[in-house]
């Protein structure tokens, strides 16, 4: 299996890997990790994951734990940025590879903090 191979991956209603899950920490811990709750019933994290700052990783978690969604977005074109699909087709795509590396760094941080569960390096997210 290659990095970001989606063979056999079951998806959630938001097209995230169903093997992933999330935990909610205390309000203070969530805020310390950069989450906001401008929408009172949701935690939201937005992290820039590209050198130019135009690609962001966005994690939204319902405060009651009932739902979550993780997106990587191209802010310039207002659409998803499928770095995993791009790399599945062409491993030499340097920009997508750099975005992937930064996303994986963010996933490691979220996993270490206890928010993201079920994740491992190279996993289709």
PDB file of N, CA and C in Angstrom:
ATOM      1  N   UNK A   1       0.843  -1.178   0.000  1.00  0.00           N
ATOM      2  CA  UNK A   1       0.000   0.000   0.000  1.00  0.00           C
ATOM      3  C   UNK A   1       0.890   1.244   0.000  1.00  0.00           C
ATOM      4  N   UNK A   2       0.578   2.191  -0.847  1.00  0.00           N
ATOM      5  CA  UNK A   2       1.363   3.415  -0.941  1.00  0.00           C
ATOM      6  C   UNK A   2       0.793   4.480  -0.001  1.00  0.00           C
ATOM      7  N   UNK A   3       1.566   5.525   0.192  1.00  0.00           N
ATOM      8  CA  UNK A   3       1.109   6.643   1.012  1.00  0.00           C
ATOM      9  C   UNK A   3      -0.187   7.196   0.433  1.00  0.00           C
ATOM     10  N   UNK A   4      -1.174   7.367   1.271  1.00  0.00           N
ATOM     11  CA  UNK A   4      -2.477   7.924   0.926  1.00  0.00           C
ATOM     12  C   UNK A   4      -3.296   7.040  -0.007  1.00  0.00           C
ATOM     13  N   UNK A   5      -3.045   5.741  -0.027  1.00  0.00           N
ATOM     14  CA  UNK A   5      -3.847   4.811  -0.823  1.00  0.00           C
ATOM     15  C   UNK A   5      -5.238   4.736  -0.198  1.00  0.00           C
ATOM     16  N   UNK A   6      -6.269   4.934  -1.008  1.00  0.00           N
ATOM     17  CA  UNK A   6      -7.623   4.922  -0.463  1.00  0.00           C
ATOM     18  C   UNK A   6      -8.343   3.601  -0.687  1.00  0.00           C
ATOM     19  N   UNK A   7      -7.630   2.581  -1.164  1.00  0.00           N
ATOM     20  CA  UNK A   7      -8.227   1.276  -1.399  1.00  0.00           C
ATOM     21  C   UNK A   7      -8.832   0.733  -0.105  1.00  0.00           C
ATOM     22  N   UNK A   8     -10.107   0.386  -0.154  1.00  0.00           N
ATOM     23  CA  UNK A   8     -10.775  -0.212   0.999  1.00  0.00           C
ATOM     24  C   UNK A   8     -11.141   0.741   2.113  1.00  0.00           C
ATOM     25  N   UNK A   9     -10.962   2.038   1.915  1.00  0.00           N
ATOM     26  CA  UNK A   9     -11.272   3.022   2.958  1.00  0.00           C
ATOM     27  C   UNK A   9     -12.779   3.285   2.973  1.00  0.00           C
ATOM     28  N   UNK A  10     -13.386   3.169   4.134  1.00  0.00           N
ATOM     29  CA  UNK A  10     -14.789   3.516   4.320  1.00  0.00           C
ATOM     30  C   UNK A  10     -14.851   4.987   4.711  1.00  0.00           C
ATOM     31  N   UNK A  11     -15.786   5.721   4.087  1.00  0.00           N
ATOM     32  CA  UNK A  11     -15.872   7.165   4.319  1.00  0.00           C
ATOM     33  C   UNK A  11     -17.080   7.540   5.167  1.00  0.00           C
ATOM     34  N   UNK A  12     -16.950   8.622   5.908  1.00  0.00           N
ATOM     35  CA  UNK A  12     -18.062   9.191   6.667  1.00  0.00           C
ATOM     36  C   UNK A  12     -18.944   9.998   5.718  1.00  0.00           C
ATOM     37  N   UNK A  13     -20.028  10.550   6.247  1.00  0.00           N
ATOM     38  CA  UNK A  13     -20.916  11.380   5.420  1.00  0.00           C
ATOM     39  C   UNK A  13     -20.208  12.632   4.914  1.00  0.00           C
ATOM     40  N   UNK A  14     -19.098  13.017   5.560  1.00  0.00           N
ATOM     41  CA  UNK A  14     -18.319  14.176   5.128  1.00  0.00           C
ATOM     42  C   UNK A  14     -17.117  13.772   4.275  1.00  0.00           C
ATOM     43  N   UNK A  15     -17.066  12.501   3.879  1.00  0.00           N
ATOM     44  CA  UNK A  15     -15.980  11.954   3.044  1.00  0.00           C
ATOM     45  C   UNK A  15     -14.633  11.923   3.761  1.00  0.00           C
ATOM     46  N   UNK A  16     -14.653  11.801   5.078  1.00  0.00           N
ATOM     47  CA  UNK A  16     -13.432  11.554   5.840  1.00  0.00           C
ATOM     48  C   UNK A  16     -13.332  10.058   6.099  1.00  0.00           C
ATOM     49  N   UNK A  17     -12.147   9.589   6.425  1.00  0.00           N
ATOM     50  CA  UNK A  17     -11.919   8.186   6.716  1.00  0.00           C
ATOM     51  C   UNK A  17     -12.686   7.805   7.990  1.00  0.00           C
ATOM     52  N   UNK A  18     -13.557   6.794   7.881  1.00  0.00           N
ATOM     53  CA  UNK A  18     -14.382   6.379   9.020  1.00  0.00           C
ATOM     54  C   UNK A  18     -13.561   5.750  10.140  1.00  0.00           C
ATOM     55  N   UNK A  19     -12.304   5.397   9.874  1.00  0.00           N
ATOM     56  CA  UNK A  19     -11.434   4.851  10.922  1.00  0.00           C
ATOM     57  C   UNK A  19     -10.965   5.938  11.888  1.00  0.00           C
ATOM     58  N   UNK A  20     -11.163   7.190  11.512  1.00  0.00           N
ATOM     59  CA  UNK A  20     -10.766   8.316  12.361  1.00  0.00           C
ATOM     60  C   UNK A  20     -11.887   8.682  13.320  1.00  0.00           C
ATOM     61  N   UNK A  21     -11.522   9.301  14.402  1.00  0.00           N
ATOM     62  CA  UNK A  21     -12.486   9.815  15.355  1.00  0.00           C
ATOM     63  C   UNK A  21     -11.906  11.036  16.042  1.00  0.00           C
ATOM     64  N   UNK A  22     -12.715  11.676  16.857  1.00  0.00           N
ATOM     65  CA  UNK A  22     -12.251  12.852  17.596  1.00  0.00           C
ATOM     66  C   UNK A  22     -12.717  12.784  19.042  1.00  0.00           C
ATOM     67  N   UNK A  23     -11.953  13.410  19.904  1.00  0.00           N
ATOM     68  CA  UNK A  23     -12.307  13.612  21.308  1.00  0.00           C
ATOM     69  C   UNK A  23     -12.350  15.106  21.556  1.00  0.00           C
ATOM     70  N   UNK A  24     -13.173  15.503  22.488  1.00  0.00           N
ATOM     71  CA  UNK A  24     -13.252  16.905  22.877  1.00  0.00           C
ATOM     72  C   UNK A  24     -12.595  17.050  24.246  1.00  0.00           C
ATOM     73  N   UNK A  25     -11.699  17.987  24.351  1.00  0.00           N
ATOM     74  CA  UNK A  25     -11.012  18.265  25.612  1.00  0.00           C
ATOM     75  C   UNK A  25     -11.746  19.385  26.344  1.00  0.00           C
ATOM     76  N   UNK A  26     -11.227  19.819  27.460  1.00  0.00           N
ATOM     77  CA  UNK A  26     -11.846  20.936  28.186  1.00  0.00           C
ATOM     78  C   UNK A  26     -11.808  22.192  27.317  1.00  0.00           C
ATOM     79  N   UNK A  27     -12.685  23.124  27.617  1.00  0.00           N
ATOM     80  CA  UNK A  27     -12.715  24.381  26.858  1.00  0.00           C
ATOM     81  C   UNK A  27     -11.340  25.044  26.845  1.00  0.00           C
ATOM     82  N   UNK A  28     -10.687  25.086  27.993  1.00  0.00           N
ATOM     83  CA  UNK A  28      -9.368  25.734  28.081  1.00  0.00           C
ATOM     84  C   UNK A  28      -8.348  25.013  27.204  1.00  0.00           C
ATOM     85  N   UNK A  29      -8.378  23.682  27.208  1.00  0.00           N
ATOM     86  CA  UNK A  29      -7.430  22.921  26.385  1.00  0.00           C
ATOM     87  C   UNK A  29      -7.711  23.114  24.895  1.00  0.00           C
ATOM     88  N   UNK A  30      -8.982  23.117  24.515  1.00  0.00           N
ATOM     89  CA  UNK A  30      -9.332  23.323  23.103  1.00  0.00           C
ATOM     90  C   UNK A  30      -8.848  24.706  22.648  1.00  0.00           C
ATOM     91  N   UNK A  31      -9.091  25.715  23.443  1.00  0.00           N
ATOM     92  CA  UNK A  31      -8.650  27.069  23.089  1.00  0.00           C
ATOM     93  C   UNK A  31      -7.126  27.158  23.028  1.00  0.00           C
ATOM     94  N   UNK A  32      -6.444  26.502  23.949  1.00  0.00           N
ATOM     95  CA  UNK A  32      -4.974  26.522  23.957  1.00  0.00           C
ATOM     96  C   UNK A  32      -4.405  25.883  22.691  1.00  0.00           C
ATOM     97  N   UNK A  33      -5.146  24.962  22.098  1.00  0.00           N
ATOM     98  CA  UNK A  33      -4.708  24.307  20.861  1.00  0.00           C
ATOM     99  C   UNK A  33      -5.106  25.092  19.610  1.00  0.00           C
ATOM    100  N   UNK A  34      -5.798  26.227  19.798  1.00  0.00           N
ATOM    101  CA  UNK A  34      -6.138  27.084  18.667  1.00  0.00           C
ATOM    102  C   UNK A  34      -7.570  26.985  18.189  1.00  0.00           C
ATOM    103  N   UNK A  35      -8.392  26.192  18.850  1.00  0.00           N
ATOM    104  CA  UNK A  35      -9.798  26.075  18.456  1.00  0.00           C
ATOM    105  C   UNK A  35     -10.568  27.310  18.909  1.00  0.00           C
ATOM    106  N   UNK A  36     -11.577  27.668  18.126  1.00  0.00           N
ATOM    107  CA  UNK A  36     -12.486  28.755  18.487  1.00  0.00           C
ATOM    108  C   UNK A  36     -13.898  28.188  18.551  1.00  0.00           C
ATOM    109  N   UNK A  37     -14.794  28.931  19.169  1.00  0.00           N
ATOM    110  CA  UNK A  37     -16.203  28.522  19.204  1.00  0.00           C
ATOM    111  C   UNK A  37     -17.107  29.728  18.944  1.00  0.00           C
ATOM    112  N   UNK A  38     -16.820  30.414  17.861  1.00  0.00           N
ATOM    113  CA  UNK A  38     -17.653  31.555  17.462  1.00  0.00           C
ATOM    114  C   UNK A  38     -19.068  31.085  17.130  1.00  0.00           C
ATOM    115  N   UNK A  39     -19.184  29.852  16.634  1.00  0.00           N
ATOM    116  CA  UNK A  39     -20.485  29.192  16.532  1.00  0.00           C
ATOM    117  C   UNK A  39     -20.597  28.391  17.831  1.00  0.00           C
ATOM    118  N   UNK A  40     -21.481  28.784  18.738  1.00  0.00           N
ATOM    119  CA  UNK A  40     -21.463  28.247  20.098  1.00  0.00           C
ATOM    120  C   UNK A  40     -21.509  26.720  20.221  1.00  0.00           C
ATOM    121  N   UNK A  41     -22.125  26.030  19.280  1.00  0.00           N
ATOM    122  CA  UNK A  41     -22.241  24.574  19.403  1.00  0.00           C
ATOM    123  C   UNK A  41     -21.114  23.808  18.703  1.00  0.00           C
ATOM    124  N   UNK A  42     -20.098  24.519  18.193  1.00  0.00           N
ATOM    125  CA  UNK A  42     -19.016  23.851  17.463  1.00  0.00           C
ATOM    126  C   UNK A  42     -17.644  24.380  17.864  1.00  0.00           C
ATOM    127  N   UNK A  43     -16.666  23.464  17.853  1.00  0.00           N
ATOM    128  CA  UNK A  43     -15.254  23.838  17.934  1.00  0.00           C
ATOM    129  C   UNK A  43     -14.719  23.888  16.519  1.00  0.00           C
ATOM    130  N   UNK A  44     -13.887  24.889  16.225  1.00  0.00           N
ATOM    131  CA  UNK A  44     -13.347  25.056  14.872  1.00  0.00           C
ATOM    132  C   UNK A  44     -11.865  25.397  14.952  1.00  0.00           C
ATOM    133  N   UNK A  45     -11.079  24.698  14.140  1.00  0.00           N
ATOM    134  CA  UNK A  45      -9.645  24.954  14.039  1.00  0.00           C
ATOM    135  C   UNK A  45      -9.306  25.179  12.573  1.00  0.00           C
ATOM    136  N   UNK A  46      -8.555  26.227  12.293  1.00  0.00           N
ATOM    137  CA  UNK A  46      -8.086  26.515  10.939  1.00  0.00           C
ATOM    138  C   UNK A  46      -6.580  26.746  11.007  1.00  0.00           C
ATOM    139  N   UNK A  47      -5.828  25.916  10.280  1.00  0.00           N
ATOM    140  CA  UNK A  47      -4.365  26.023  10.259  1.00  0.00           C
ATOM    141  C   UNK A  47      -3.880  26.125   8.824  1.00  0.00           C
ATOM    142  N   UNK A  48      -2.989  27.050   8.564  1.00  0.00           N
ATOM    143  CA  UNK A  48      -2.388  27.155   7.235  1.00  0.00           C
ATOM    144  C   UNK A  48      -1.392  26.019   7.060  1.00  0.00           C
ATOM    145  N   UNK A  49      -1.476  25.341   5.901  1.00  0.00           N
ATOM    146  CA  UNK A  49      -0.629  24.166   5.671  1.00  0.00           C
ATOM    147  C   UNK A  49       0.166  24.261   4.370  1.00  0.00           C
ATOM    148  N   UNK A  50       0.258  25.468   3.822  1.00  0.00           N
ATOM    149  CA  UNK A  50       1.069  25.656   2.614  1.00  0.00           C
ATOM    150  C   UNK A  50       2.004  26.835   2.819  1.00  0.00           C
ATOM    151  N   UNK A  51       3.090  26.812   2.091  1.00  0.00           N
ATOM    152  CA  UNK A  51       4.093  27.874   2.205  1.00  0.00           C
ATOM    153  C   UNK A  51       3.501  29.241   1.878  1.00  0.00           C
ATOM    154  N   UNK A  52       2.628  29.289   0.867  1.00  0.00           N
ATOM    155  CA  UNK A  52       2.001  30.555   0.466  1.00  0.00           C
ATOM    156  C   UNK A  52       0.844  30.942   1.384  1.00  0.00           C
ATOM    157  N   UNK A  53       0.388  30.003   2.208  1.00  0.00           N
ATOM    158  CA  UNK A  53      -0.714  30.288   3.117  1.00  0.00           C
ATOM    159  C   UNK A  53      -2.083  30.188   2.492  1.00  0.00           C
ATOM    160  N   UNK A  54      -2.169  29.670   1.268  1.00  0.00           N
ATOM    161  CA  UNK A  54      -3.451  29.613   0.580  1.00  0.00           C
ATOM    162  C   UNK A  54      -4.179  28.284   0.757  1.00  0.00           C
ATOM    163  N   UNK A  55      -3.539  27.311   1.380  1.00  0.00           N
ATOM    164  CA  UNK A  55      -4.172  26.027   1.663  1.00  0.00           C
ATOM    165  C   UNK A  55      -4.310  25.916   3.181  1.00  0.00           C
ATOM    166  N   UNK A  56      -5.520  25.579   3.643  1.00  0.00           N
ATOM    167  CA  UNK A  56      -5.762  25.479   5.079  1.00  0.00           C
ATOM    168  C   UNK A  56      -6.333  24.117   5.446  1.00  0.00           C
ATOM    169  N   UNK A  57      -6.007  23.685   6.649  1.00  0.00           N
ATOM    170  CA  UNK A  57      -6.607  22.497   7.241  1.00  0.00           C
ATOM    171  C   UNK A  57      -7.674  23.000   8.198  1.00  0.00           C
ATOM    172  N   UNK A  58      -8.887  22.499   8.057  1.00  0.00           N
ATOM    173  CA  UNK A  58     -10.022  22.963   8.847  1.00  0.00           C
ATOM    174  C   UNK A  58     -10.673  21.779   9.546  1.00  0.00           C
ATOM    175  N   UNK A  59     -10.769  21.839  10.856  1.00  0.00           N
ATOM    176  CA  UNK A  59     -11.407  20.780  11.633  1.00  0.00           C
ATOM    177  C   UNK A  59     -12.558  21.394  12.416  1.00  0.00           C
ATOM    178  N   UNK A  60     -13.759  20.865  12.192  1.00  0.00           N
ATOM    179  CA  UNK A  60     -14.958  21.305  12.891  1.00  0.00           C
ATOM    180  C   UNK A  60     -15.493  20.130  13.697  1.00  0.00           C
ATOM    181  N   UNK A  61     -15.754  20.357  14.977  1.00  0.00           N
ATOM    182  CA  UNK A  61     -16.251  19.305  15.862  1.00  0.00           C
ATOM    183  C   UNK A  61     -17.482  19.828  16.599  1.00  0.00           C
ATOM    184  N   UNK A  62     -18.593  19.100  16.507  1.00  0.00           N
ATOM    185  CA  UNK A  62     -19.779  19.461  17.293  1.00  0.00           C
ATOM    186  C   UNK A  62     -19.438  19.316  18.772  1.00  0.00           C
ATOM    187  N   UNK A  63     -19.803  20.305  19.567  1.00  0.00           N
ATOM    188  CA  UNK A  63     -19.463  20.275  20.993  1.00  0.00           C
ATOM    189  C   UNK A  63     -20.110  19.109  21.731  1.00  0.00           C
ATOM    190  N   UNK A  64     -21.216  18.587  21.198  1.00  0.00           N
ATOM    191  CA  UNK A  64     -21.845  17.432  21.842  1.00  0.00           C
ATOM    192  C   UNK A  64     -21.237  16.113  21.354  1.00  0.00           C
ATOM    193  N   UNK A  65     -20.218  16.209  20.480  1.00  0.00           N
ATOM    194  CA  UNK A  65     -19.517  15.024  19.993  1.00  0.00           C
ATOM    195  C   UNK A  65     -20.245  14.250  18.915  1.00  0.00           C
ATOM    196  N   UNK A  66     -21.367  14.758  18.442  1.00  0.00           N
ATOM    197  CA  UNK A  66     -22.194  14.014  17.494  1.00  0.00           C
ATOM    198  C   UNK A  66     -21.677  14.037  16.062  1.00  0.00           C
ATOM    199  N   UNK A  67     -20.780  14.954  15.732  1.00  0.00           N
ATOM    200  CA  UNK A  67     -20.342  15.086  14.344  1.00  0.00           C
ATOM    201  C   UNK A  67     -18.987  15.786  14.306  1.00  0.00           C
ATOM    202  N   UNK A  68     -18.241  15.512  13.242  1.00  0.00           N
ATOM    203  CA  UNK A  68     -16.973  16.200  13.013  1.00  0.00           C
ATOM    204  C   UNK A  68     -16.684  16.164  11.518  1.00  0.00           C
ATOM    205  N   UNK A  69     -15.836  17.086  11.085  1.00  0.00           N
ATOM    206  CA  UNK A  69     -15.483  17.176   9.664  1.00  0.00           C
ATOM    207  C   UNK A  69     -14.092  17.774   9.542  1.00  0.00           C
ATOM    208  N   UNK A  70     -13.267  17.146   8.718  1.00  0.00           N
ATOM    209  CA  UNK A  70     -11.914  17.626   8.478  1.00  0.00           C
ATOM    210  C   UNK A  70     -11.781  17.911   6.982  1.00  0.00           C
ATOM    211  N   UNK A  71     -11.395  19.131   6.646  1.00  0.00           N
ATOM    212  CA  UNK A  71     -11.242  19.538   5.247  1.00  0.00           C
ATOM    213  C   UNK A  71      -9.901  20.218   5.049  1.00  0.00           C
ATOM    214  N   UNK A  72      -9.313  20.008   3.887  1.00  0.00           N
ATOM    215  CA  UNK A  72      -8.152  20.776   3.455  1.00  0.00           C
ATOM    216  C   UNK A  72      -8.648  21.600   2.274  1.00  0.00           C
ATOM    217  N   UNK A  73      -8.577  22.918   2.413  1.00  0.00           N
ATOM    218  CA  UNK A  73      -9.206  23.812   1.441  1.00  0.00           C
ATOM    219  C   UNK A  73      -8.205  24.719   0.748  1.00  0.00           C
ATOM    220  N   UNK A  74      -8.463  24.961  -0.536  1.00  0.00           N
ATOM    221  CA  UNK A  74      -7.719  25.939  -1.318  1.00  0.00           C
ATOM    222  C   UNK A  74      -8.477  27.252  -1.186  1.00  0.00           C
ATOM    223  N   UNK A  75      -7.957  28.154  -0.396  1.00  0.00           N
ATOM    224  CA  UNK A  75      -8.641  29.413  -0.099  1.00  0.00           C
ATOM    225  C   UNK A  75      -8.698  30.354  -1.298  1.00  0.00           C
ATOM    226  N   UNK A  76      -7.794  30.193  -2.243  1.00  0.00           N
ATOM    227  CA  UNK A  76      -7.797  31.066  -3.426  1.00  0.00           C
ATOM    228  C   UNK A  76      -8.920  30.695  -4.388  1.00  0.00           C
ATOM    229  N   UNK A  77      -9.241  29.406  -4.463  1.00  0.00           N
ATOM    230  CA  UNK A  77     -10.259  28.948  -5.404  1.00  0.00           C
ATOM    231  C   UNK A  77     -11.530  28.481  -4.697  1.00  0.00           C
ATOM    232  N   UNK A  78     -11.573  28.625  -3.368  1.00  0.00           N
ATOM    233  CA  UNK A  78     -12.757  28.303  -2.568  1.00  0.00           C
ATOM    234  C   UNK A  78     -13.273  26.892  -2.849  1.00  0.00           C
ATOM    235  N   UNK A  79     -12.346  25.929  -2.788  1.00  0.00           N
ATOM    236  CA  UNK A  79     -12.710  24.534  -3.030  1.00  0.00           C
ATOM    237  C   UNK A  79     -11.748  23.625  -2.271  1.00  0.00           C
ATOM    238  N   UNK A  80     -12.119  22.346  -2.118  1.00  0.00           N
ATOM    239  CA  UNK A  80     -11.199  21.408  -1.462  1.00  0.00           C
ATOM    240  C   UNK A  80      -9.884  21.288  -2.230  1.00  0.00           C
ATOM    241  N   UNK A  81      -8.805  21.059  -1.498  1.00  0.00           N
ATOM    242  CA  UNK A  81      -7.501  20.797  -2.104  1.00  0.00           C
ATOM    243  C   UNK A  81      -7.174  19.340  -1.799  1.00  0.00           C
ATOM    244  N   UNK A  82      -7.307  18.477  -2.791  1.00  0.00           N
ATOM    245  CA  UNK A  82      -7.145  17.031  -2.631  1.00  0.00           C
ATOM    246  C   UNK A  82      -5.684  16.631  -2.791  1.00  0.00           C
ATOM    247  N   UNK A  83      -4.868  17.010  -1.810  1.00  0.00           N
ATOM    248  CA  UNK A  83      -3.439  16.695  -1.882  1.00  0.00           C
ATOM    249  C   UNK A  83      -3.201  15.191  -1.920  1.00  0.00           C
ATOM    250  N   UNK A  84      -4.048  14.424  -1.261  1.00  0.00           N
ATOM    251  CA  UNK A  84      -3.870  12.973  -1.247  1.00  0.00           C
ATOM    252  C   UNK A  84      -4.142  12.373  -2.623  1.00  0.00           C
ATOM    253  N   UNK A  85      -5.197  12.821  -3.267  1.00  0.00           N
ATOM    254  CA  UNK A  85      -5.501  12.353  -4.615  1.00  0.00           C
ATOM    255  C   UNK A  85      -4.430  12.770  -5.609  1.00  0.00           C
ATOM    256  N   UNK A  86      -3.940  14.000  -5.468  1.00  0.00           N
ATOM    257  CA  UNK A  86      -2.871  14.473  -6.352  1.00  0.00           C
ATOM    258  C   UNK A  86      -1.624  13.611  -6.201  1.00  0.00           C
ATOM    259  N   UNK A  87      -1.275  13.265  -4.966  1.00  0.00           N
ATOM    260  CA  UNK A  87      -0.078  12.452  -4.735  1.00  0.00           C
ATOM    261  C   UNK A  87      -0.288  10.995  -5.126  1.00  0.00           C
ATOM    262  N   UNK A  88      -1.518  10.531  -5.050  1.00  0.00           N
ATOM    263  CA  UNK A  88      -1.805   9.162  -5.474  1.00  0.00           C
ATOM    264  C   UNK A  88      -1.555   9.019  -6.977  1.00  0.00           C
ATOM    265  N   UNK A  89      -1.819  10.092  -7.720  1.00  0.00           N
ATOM    266  CA  UNK A  89      -1.609  10.089  -9.174  1.00  0.00           C
ATOM    267  C   UNK A  89      -0.195  10.481  -9.573  1.00  0.00           C
ATOM    268  N   UNK A  90       0.468  11.336  -8.757  1.00  0.00           N
ATOM    269  CA  UNK A  90       1.802  11.821  -9.124  1.00  0.00           C
ATOM    270  C   UNK A  90       2.596  12.155  -7.861  1.00  0.00           C
ATOM    271  N   UNK A  91       3.441  11.237  -7.446  1.00  0.00           N
ATOM    272  CA  UNK A  91       4.243  11.438  -6.234  1.00  0.00           C
ATOM    273  C   UNK A  91       5.263  12.561  -6.368  1.00  0.00           C
ATOM    274  N   UNK A  92       5.516  13.021  -7.593  1.00  0.00           N
ATOM    275  CA  UNK A  92       6.504  14.071  -7.823  1.00  0.00           C
ATOM    276  C   UNK A  92       5.921  15.479  -7.702  1.00  0.00           C
ATOM    277  N   UNK A  93       4.649  15.606  -7.335  1.00  0.00           N
ATOM    278  CA  UNK A  93       4.018  16.912  -7.176  1.00  0.00           C
ATOM    279  C   UNK A  93       4.546  17.541  -5.882  1.00  0.00           C
ATOM    280  N   UNK A  94       5.542  18.401  -6.025  1.00  0.00           N
ATOM    281  CA  UNK A  94       6.229  18.980  -4.872  1.00  0.00           C
ATOM    282  C   UNK A  94       5.334  19.812  -3.973  1.00  0.00           C
ATOM    283  N   UNK A  95       4.432  20.594  -4.565  1.00  0.00           N
ATOM    284  CA  UNK A  95       3.556  21.446  -3.758  1.00  0.00           C
ATOM    285  C   UNK A  95       2.609  20.587  -2.925  1.00  0.00           C
ATOM    286  N   UNK A  96       1.991  19.592  -3.567  1.00  0.00           N
ATOM    287  CA  UNK A  96       1.081  18.694  -2.846  1.00  0.00           C
ATOM    288  C   UNK A  96       1.835  17.915  -1.773  1.00  0.00           C
ATOM    289  N   UNK A  97       3.064  17.533  -2.053  1.00  0.00           N
ATOM    290  CA  UNK A  97       3.868  16.795  -1.074  1.00  0.00           C
ATOM    291  C   UNK A  97       4.166  17.675   0.151  1.00  0.00           C
ATOM    292  N   UNK A  98       4.476  18.953  -0.087  1.00  0.00           N
ATOM    293  CA  UNK A  98       4.740  19.877   1.022  1.00  0.00           C
ATOM    294  C   UNK A  98       3.474  20.087   1.863  1.00  0.00           C
ATOM    295  N   UNK A  99       2.316  20.209   1.202  1.00  0.00           N
ATOM    296  CA  UNK A  99       1.045  20.336   1.923  1.00  0.00           C
ATOM    297  C   UNK A  99       0.790  19.066   2.733  1.00  0.00           C
ATOM    298  N   UNK A 100       1.028  17.908   2.129  1.00  0.00           N
ATOM    299  CA  UNK A 100       0.833  16.630   2.824  1.00  0.00           C
ATOM    300  C   UNK A 100       1.703  16.550   4.069  1.00  0.00           C
ATOM    301  N   UNK A 101       2.947  16.941   3.942  1.00  0.00           N
ATOM    302  CA  UNK A 101       3.864  16.891   5.085  1.00  0.00           C
ATOM    303  C   UNK A 101       3.383  17.784   6.225  1.00  0.00           C
ATOM    304  N   UNK A 102       2.894  18.972   5.891  1.00  0.00           N
ATOM    305  CA  UNK A 102       2.402  19.886   6.929  1.00  0.00           C
ATOM    306  C   UNK A 102       1.083  19.377   7.526  1.00  0.00           C
ATOM    307  N   UNK A 103       0.210  18.819   6.685  1.00  0.00           N
ATOM    308  CA  UNK A 103      -1.034  18.240   7.212  1.00  0.00           C
ATOM    309  C   UNK A 103      -0.707  17.117   8.188  1.00  0.00           C
ATOM    310  N   UNK A 104       0.229  16.259   7.809  1.00  0.00           N
ATOM    311  CA  UNK A 104       0.595  15.150   8.692  1.00  0.00           C
ATOM    312  C   UNK A 104       1.212  15.664   9.996  1.00  0.00           C
ATOM    313  N   UNK A 105       1.950  16.756   9.928  1.00  0.00           N
ATOM    314  CA  UNK A 105       2.484  17.359  11.152  1.00  0.00           C
ATOM    315  C   UNK A 105       1.330  17.815  12.048  1.00  0.00           C
ATOM    316  N   UNK A 106       0.308  18.418  11.443  1.00  0.00           N
ATOM    317  CA  UNK A 106      -0.868  18.853  12.208  1.00  0.00           C
ATOM    318  C   UNK A 106      -1.614  17.650  12.788  1.00  0.00           C
ATOM    319  N   UNK A 107      -1.756  16.573  11.999  1.00  0.00           N
ATOM    320  CA  UNK A 107      -2.436  15.368  12.492  1.00  0.00           C
ATOM    321  C   UNK A 107      -1.671  14.766  13.672  1.00  0.00           C
ATOM    322  N   UNK A 108      -0.332  14.784  13.594  1.00  0.00           N
ATOM    323  CA  UNK A 108       0.477  14.285  14.713  1.00  0.00           C
ATOM    324  C   UNK A 108       0.203  15.099  15.981  1.00  0.00           C
ATOM    325  N   UNK A 109       0.168  16.433  15.835  1.00  0.00           N
ATOM    326  CA  UNK A 109      -0.101  17.308  16.984  1.00  0.00           C
ATOM    327  C   UNK A 109      -1.489  17.044  17.570  1.00  0.00           C
ATOM    328  N   UNK A 110      -2.489  16.911  16.700  1.00  0.00           N
ATOM    329  CA  UNK A 110      -3.854  16.659  17.165  1.00  0.00           C
ATOM    330  C   UNK A 110      -3.970  15.290  17.826  1.00  0.00           C
ATOM    331  N   UNK A 111      -3.237  14.311  17.299  1.00  0.00           N
ATOM    332  CA  UNK A 111      -3.243  12.970  17.888  1.00  0.00           C
ATOM    333  C   UNK A 111      -2.560  12.988  19.249  1.00  0.00           C
ATOM    334  N   UNK A 112      -1.409  13.635  19.320  1.00  0.00           N
ATOM    335  CA  UNK A 112      -0.670  13.720  20.588  1.00  0.00           C
ATOM    336  C   UNK A 112      -1.490  14.439  21.658  1.00  0.00           C
ATOM    337  N   UNK A 113      -2.256  15.446  21.244  1.00  0.00           N
ATOM    338  CA  UNK A 113      -3.091  16.204  22.183  1.00  0.00           C
ATOM    339  C   UNK A 113      -4.303  15.394  22.646  1.00  0.00           C
ATOM    340  N   UNK A 114      -4.621  14.309  21.942  1.00  0.00           N
ATOM    341  CA  UNK A 114      -5.759  13.474  22.312  1.00  0.00           C
ATOM    342  C   UNK A 114      -7.043  13.828  21.599  1.00  0.00           C
ATOM    343  N   UNK A 115      -6.968  14.706  20.604  1.00  0.00           N
ATOM    344  CA  UNK A 115      -8.175  15.095  19.870  1.00  0.00           C
ATOM    345  C   UNK A 115      -8.453  14.136  18.718  1.00  0.00           C
ATOM    346  N   UNK A 116      -7.482  13.886  17.870  1.00  0.00           N
ATOM    347  CA  UNK A 116      -7.658  13.000  16.718  1.00  0.00           C
ATOM    348  C   UNK A 116      -7.307  11.574  17.132  1.00  0.00           C
ATOM    349  N   UNK A 117      -8.185  10.626  16.819  1.00  0.00           N
ATOM    350  CA  UNK A 117      -7.936   9.223  17.155  1.00  0.00           C
ATOM    351  C   UNK A 117      -7.957   8.372  15.885  1.00  0.00           C
ATOM    352  N   UNK A 118      -7.241   7.264  15.925  1.00  0.00           N
ATOM    353  CA  UNK A 118      -7.251   6.315  14.818  1.00  0.00           C
ATOM    354  C   UNK A 118      -6.336   6.668  13.667  1.00  0.00           C
ATOM    355  N   UNK A 119      -5.591   7.767  13.774  1.00  0.00           N
ATOM    356  CA  UNK A 119      -4.746   8.226  12.672  1.00  0.00           C
ATOM    357  C   UNK A 119      -3.361   7.593  12.744  1.00  0.00           C
ATOM    358  N   UNK A 120      -2.786   7.327  11.561  1.00  0.00           N
ATOM    359  CA  UNK A 120      -1.384   6.919  11.473  1.00  0.00           C
ATOM    360  C   UNK A 120      -0.766   7.547  10.230  1.00  0.00           C
ATOM    361  N   UNK A 121       0.546   7.638  10.210  1.00  0.00           N
ATOM    362  CA  UNK A 121       1.285   8.261   9.099  1.00  0.00           C
ATOM    363  C   UNK A 121       0.852   7.673   7.755  1.00  0.00           C
ATOM    364  N   UNK A 122       0.635   8.538   6.776  1.00  0.00           N
ATOM    365  CA  UNK A 122       0.322   8.101   5.419  1.00  0.00           C
ATOM    366  C   UNK A 122      -1.107   7.655   5.204  1.00  0.00           C
ATOM    367  N   UNK A 123      -1.942   7.787   6.209  1.00  0.00           N
ATOM    368  CA  UNK A 123      -3.326   7.332   6.135  1.00  0.00           C
ATOM    369  C   UNK A 123      -4.167   8.269   5.271  1.00  0.00           C
ATOM    370  N   UNK A 124      -5.089   7.700   4.490  1.00  0.00           N
ATOM    371  CA  UNK A 124      -6.055   8.507   3.742  1.00  0.00           C
ATOM    372  C   UNK A 124      -6.988   9.147   4.762  1.00  0.00           C
ATOM    373  N   UNK A 125      -7.055  10.471   4.758  1.00  0.00           N
ATOM    374  CA  UNK A 125      -7.852  11.175   5.759  1.00  0.00           C
ATOM    375  C   UNK A 125      -9.198  11.571   5.179  1.00  0.00           C
TER     376      UNK A 125
END
